[in-house]
Amino acid sequence: MARNLQFKKDKRALSTIVITVILIALSMAAVVLVWGFVNNLIKKQIGSSESCFGNYDKITLNKQYTCYDSDLQEFRFSLSIGDVTADKVIVSVSSASEVKSYEITNEEQTITGLENYPSGTTTIKLPVKNAGLTYSASGFTSVVDLVRIAPAIGGTQCEISDSLSQIEDCSLLV
C-alpha cells in the first residue's frame, strides 16, 4: 500500500525570500531616486559654470586707452570683447573717496555719469563681438586707482575677468 506522503511546507523560508526580494527592490529604487537628484544638481552647477569657463581673457580692459584726466575729473576706460557674446559687463571704478559701478548691456541705455568717448553720446552699449569701445565716466573728485570688470555670459554672472590698478594720467597718453 502506497502511502501518500505529504510534505510540510516551510512557510518561514518562503517569506524570507519574499522579504529579501522586496528589500533589494526598495534599495534599487532608493539608489535611482538619489542618483536622479544628485545628477540634476550636478548638471545645473556645471551648466552655470560652463558659460564663464574658458572666457576669462576674452573680455578685457584695453590698458592703452584707460586713463584718468585730472583736469576734467573724468576716467576713461576701454572695453575689448573677443570671440564671445556677453550679456552685460559690470564695471567697478574705485578712487580714494568713492566707488562707482556701471552695468553696461547689449541694449542701448543712458547711464548717469557715463558717455561714449570721444563722441560724447550718452546712449551706452557693449561693444560687439571682436571689437572694443571707450567710455568716459565723470564726477570723480580724486584720482581713480582701481577698475575691475565682471562679465555676465549666458545668463551667468562670472567672476572678475580683468582689473587695472595702475591708472595713467591721460595727458601722458597723447
Protein backbone atom coordinates (compact mmCIF):
# COMPACT_ATOMS: atom_id res chain seq x y z
CA MET A 1 0.00 0.00 0.00
CA ALA A 2 1.42 3.23 -1.03
CA ARG A 3 1.34 5.91 1.43
CA ASN A 4 0.62 9.39 0.47
CA LEU A 5 3.45 11.37 1.71
CA GLN A 6 2.68 14.94 2.27
CA PHE A 7 5.48 17.34 2.61
CA LYS A 8 5.06 20.02 5.08
CA LYS A 9 5.64 23.43 3.52
CA ASP A 10 8.02 25.69 5.37
CA LYS A 11 6.23 29.00 5.22
CA ARG A 12 9.04 30.80 7.01
CA ALA A 13 11.54 30.10 4.23
CA LEU A 14 9.19 31.45 1.59
CA SER A 15 8.52 34.66 3.49
CA THR A 16 12.29 35.21 3.96
CA ILE A 17 12.83 35.06 0.19
CA VAL A 18 9.95 37.46 -0.47
CA ILE A 19 11.24 39.93 2.10
CA THR A 20 14.75 39.74 0.61
CA VAL A 21 13.42 40.46 -2.90
CA ILE A 22 11.35 43.39 -1.60
CA LEU A 23 14.36 44.85 0.27
CA ILE A 24 16.53 44.58 -2.86
CA ALA A 25 13.83 46.30 -4.95
CA LEU A 26 13.46 49.11 -2.36
CA SER A 27 17.24 49.59 -2.23
CA MET A 28 17.46 49.85 -6.01
CA ALA A 29 14.58 52.35 -6.08
CA ALA A 30 16.30 54.47 -3.42
CA VAL A 31 19.57 54.45 -5.39
CA VAL A 32 17.72 55.53 -8.56
CA LEU A 33 15.98 58.40 -6.72
CA VAL A 34 19.18 59.65 -5.08
CA TRP A 35 21.13 59.40 -8.36
CA GLY A 36 18.43 61.36 -10.21
CA PHE A 37 18.52 64.16 -7.62
CA VAL A 38 22.32 64.36 -7.46
CA ASN A 39 22.68 64.14 -11.25
CA ASN A 40 20.28 67.09 -11.80
CA LEU A 41 22.07 69.14 -9.16
CA ILE A 42 25.48 68.49 -10.74
CA LYS A 43 24.21 69.29 -14.25
CA LYS A 44 22.82 72.65 -13.08
CA GLN A 45 26.12 73.58 -11.44
CA ILE A 46 28.17 72.54 -14.47
CA GLY A 47 25.82 74.39 -16.82
CA SER A 48 26.15 77.65 -14.92
CA SER A 49 29.93 77.45 -14.66
CA GLU A 50 30.36 76.38 -18.31
CA SER A 51 29.23 79.81 -19.50
CA CYS A 52 32.19 81.51 -17.85
CA PHE A 53 34.73 78.72 -18.26
CA GLY A 54 37.31 79.47 -20.94
CA ASN A 55 36.16 83.09 -21.36
CA TYR A 56 38.42 84.62 -18.73
CA ASP A 57 40.66 86.52 -21.15
CA LYS A 58 38.03 87.31 -23.79
CA ILE A 59 36.55 90.37 -22.08
CA THR A 60 39.32 92.73 -21.04
CA LEU A 61 40.26 96.31 -20.32
CA ASN A 62 42.32 97.88 -23.08
CA LYS A 63 45.07 99.37 -20.94
CA GLN A 64 46.31 101.58 -23.79
CA TYR A 65 43.11 103.67 -23.67
CA THR A 66 42.35 103.54 -19.94
CA CYS A 67 43.39 106.67 -18.04
CA TYR A 68 42.35 109.39 -15.58
CA ASP A 69 42.07 113.05 -16.65
CA SER A 70 42.58 115.14 -13.51
CA ASP A 71 41.79 118.43 -15.30
CA LEU A 72 38.31 117.25 -16.36
CA GLN A 73 37.86 114.93 -13.36
CA GLU A 74 36.92 112.07 -15.66
CA PHE A 75 38.03 108.50 -16.03
CA ARG A 76 38.29 106.86 -19.44
CA PHE A 77 38.21 103.11 -19.84
CA SER A 78 38.16 100.91 -22.89
CA LEU A 79 36.44 97.52 -23.04
CA SER A 80 37.53 94.88 -25.55
CA ILE A 81 35.34 91.87 -26.24
CA GLY A 82 36.86 88.88 -28.03
CA ASP A 83 35.14 85.89 -29.58
CA VAL A 84 32.35 85.65 -27.02
CA THR A 85 28.84 87.06 -26.65
CA ALA A 86 28.41 88.82 -23.31
CA ASP A 87 25.01 89.74 -21.85
CA LYS A 88 26.45 92.56 -19.75
CA VAL A 89 29.64 93.78 -18.11
CA ILE A 90 29.75 95.30 -14.64
CA VAL A 91 32.49 97.92 -14.37
CA SER A 92 33.58 98.90 -10.86
CA VAL A 93 35.69 102.06 -10.57
CA SER A 94 37.38 102.93 -7.25
CA SER A 95 39.10 106.08 -6.08
CA ALA A 96 40.23 107.21 -2.64
CA SER A 97 36.90 108.92 -2.00
CA GLU A 98 34.32 106.76 -3.81
CA VAL A 99 33.38 103.63 -5.71
CA LYS A 100 31.09 103.72 -8.72
CA SER A 101 29.65 100.79 -10.64
CA TYR A 102 28.26 100.76 -14.16
CA GLU A 103 26.25 97.94 -15.71
CA ILE A 104 26.74 98.05 -19.48
CA THR A 105 24.45 95.77 -21.50
CA ASN A 106 23.79 94.93 -25.14
CA GLU A 107 20.75 97.22 -25.10
CA GLU A 108 21.29 100.93 -25.67
CA GLN A 109 20.72 102.80 -22.42
CA THR A 110 21.53 106.04 -20.67
CA ILE A 111 23.74 105.64 -17.60
CA THR A 112 24.22 108.65 -15.34
CA GLY A 113 27.79 109.94 -15.45
CA LEU A 114 28.84 107.74 -18.37
CA GLU A 115 29.20 108.57 -22.06
CA ASN A 116 30.93 107.25 -25.14
CA TYR A 117 34.41 108.61 -25.80
CA PRO A 118 35.31 110.68 -27.83
CA SER A 119 31.85 111.28 -29.36
CA GLY A 120 30.19 112.26 -26.07
CA THR A 121 26.96 110.43 -26.91
CA THR A 122 25.06 109.20 -23.89
CA THR A 123 23.48 106.05 -25.34
CA ILE A 124 25.74 103.37 -23.89
CA LYS A 125 26.03 99.84 -25.24
CA LEU A 126 28.56 97.00 -25.03
CA PRO A 127 30.97 96.53 -27.91
CA VAL A 128 30.01 93.80 -30.36
CA LYS A 129 31.95 90.54 -30.59
CA ASN A 130 35.64 91.03 -31.54
CA ALA A 131 35.52 94.80 -31.01
CA GLY A 132 36.11 97.46 -28.39
CA LEU A 133 34.68 100.78 -27.19
CA THR A 134 35.98 103.53 -24.93
CA TYR A 135 33.78 105.21 -22.32
CA SER A 136 34.20 108.32 -20.20
CA ALA A 137 32.99 108.39 -16.58
CA SER A 138 32.69 111.82 -14.96
CA GLY A 139 32.37 113.13 -11.45
CA PHE A 140 35.48 111.72 -9.79
CA THR A 141 36.93 114.13 -7.26
CA SER A 142 40.06 112.07 -6.63
CA VAL A 143 42.37 110.01 -8.82
CA VAL A 144 40.97 106.63 -9.86
CA ASP A 145 43.21 103.87 -8.56
CA LEU A 146 41.36 100.65 -9.46
CA VAL A 147 38.99 99.44 -12.16
CA ARG A 148 37.54 95.92 -12.38
CA ILE A 149 35.23 94.28 -14.89
CA ALA A 150 32.99 91.24 -14.42
CA PRO A 151 31.02 89.94 -17.41
CA ALA A 152 27.74 88.01 -17.48
CA ILE A 153 27.68 85.32 -20.14
CA GLY A 154 24.74 83.07 -20.93
CA GLY A 155 22.75 84.44 -18.01
CA THR A 156 25.51 83.64 -15.50
CA GLN A 157 27.41 86.35 -13.64
CA CYS A 158 31.12 85.50 -13.94
CA GLU A 159 33.99 86.42 -11.67
CA ILE A 160 36.21 89.44 -12.33
CA SER A 161 37.80 88.92 -15.75
CA ASP A 162 40.23 91.85 -15.72
CA SER A 163 41.39 94.66 -13.48
CA LEU A 164 43.81 97.55 -13.62
CA SER A 165 45.37 99.19 -10.58
CA GLN A 166 47.94 101.49 -12.18
CA ILE A 167 45.90 104.13 -13.96
CA GLU A 168 47.94 106.53 -16.10
CA ASP A 169 47.26 110.23 -16.48
CA CYS A 170 45.52 110.86 -19.82
CA SER A 171 47.91 113.72 -20.64
CA LEU A 172 50.75 111.17 -20.79
CA LEU A 173 48.95 109.12 -23.45
CA VAL A 174 48.85 111.87 -26.06
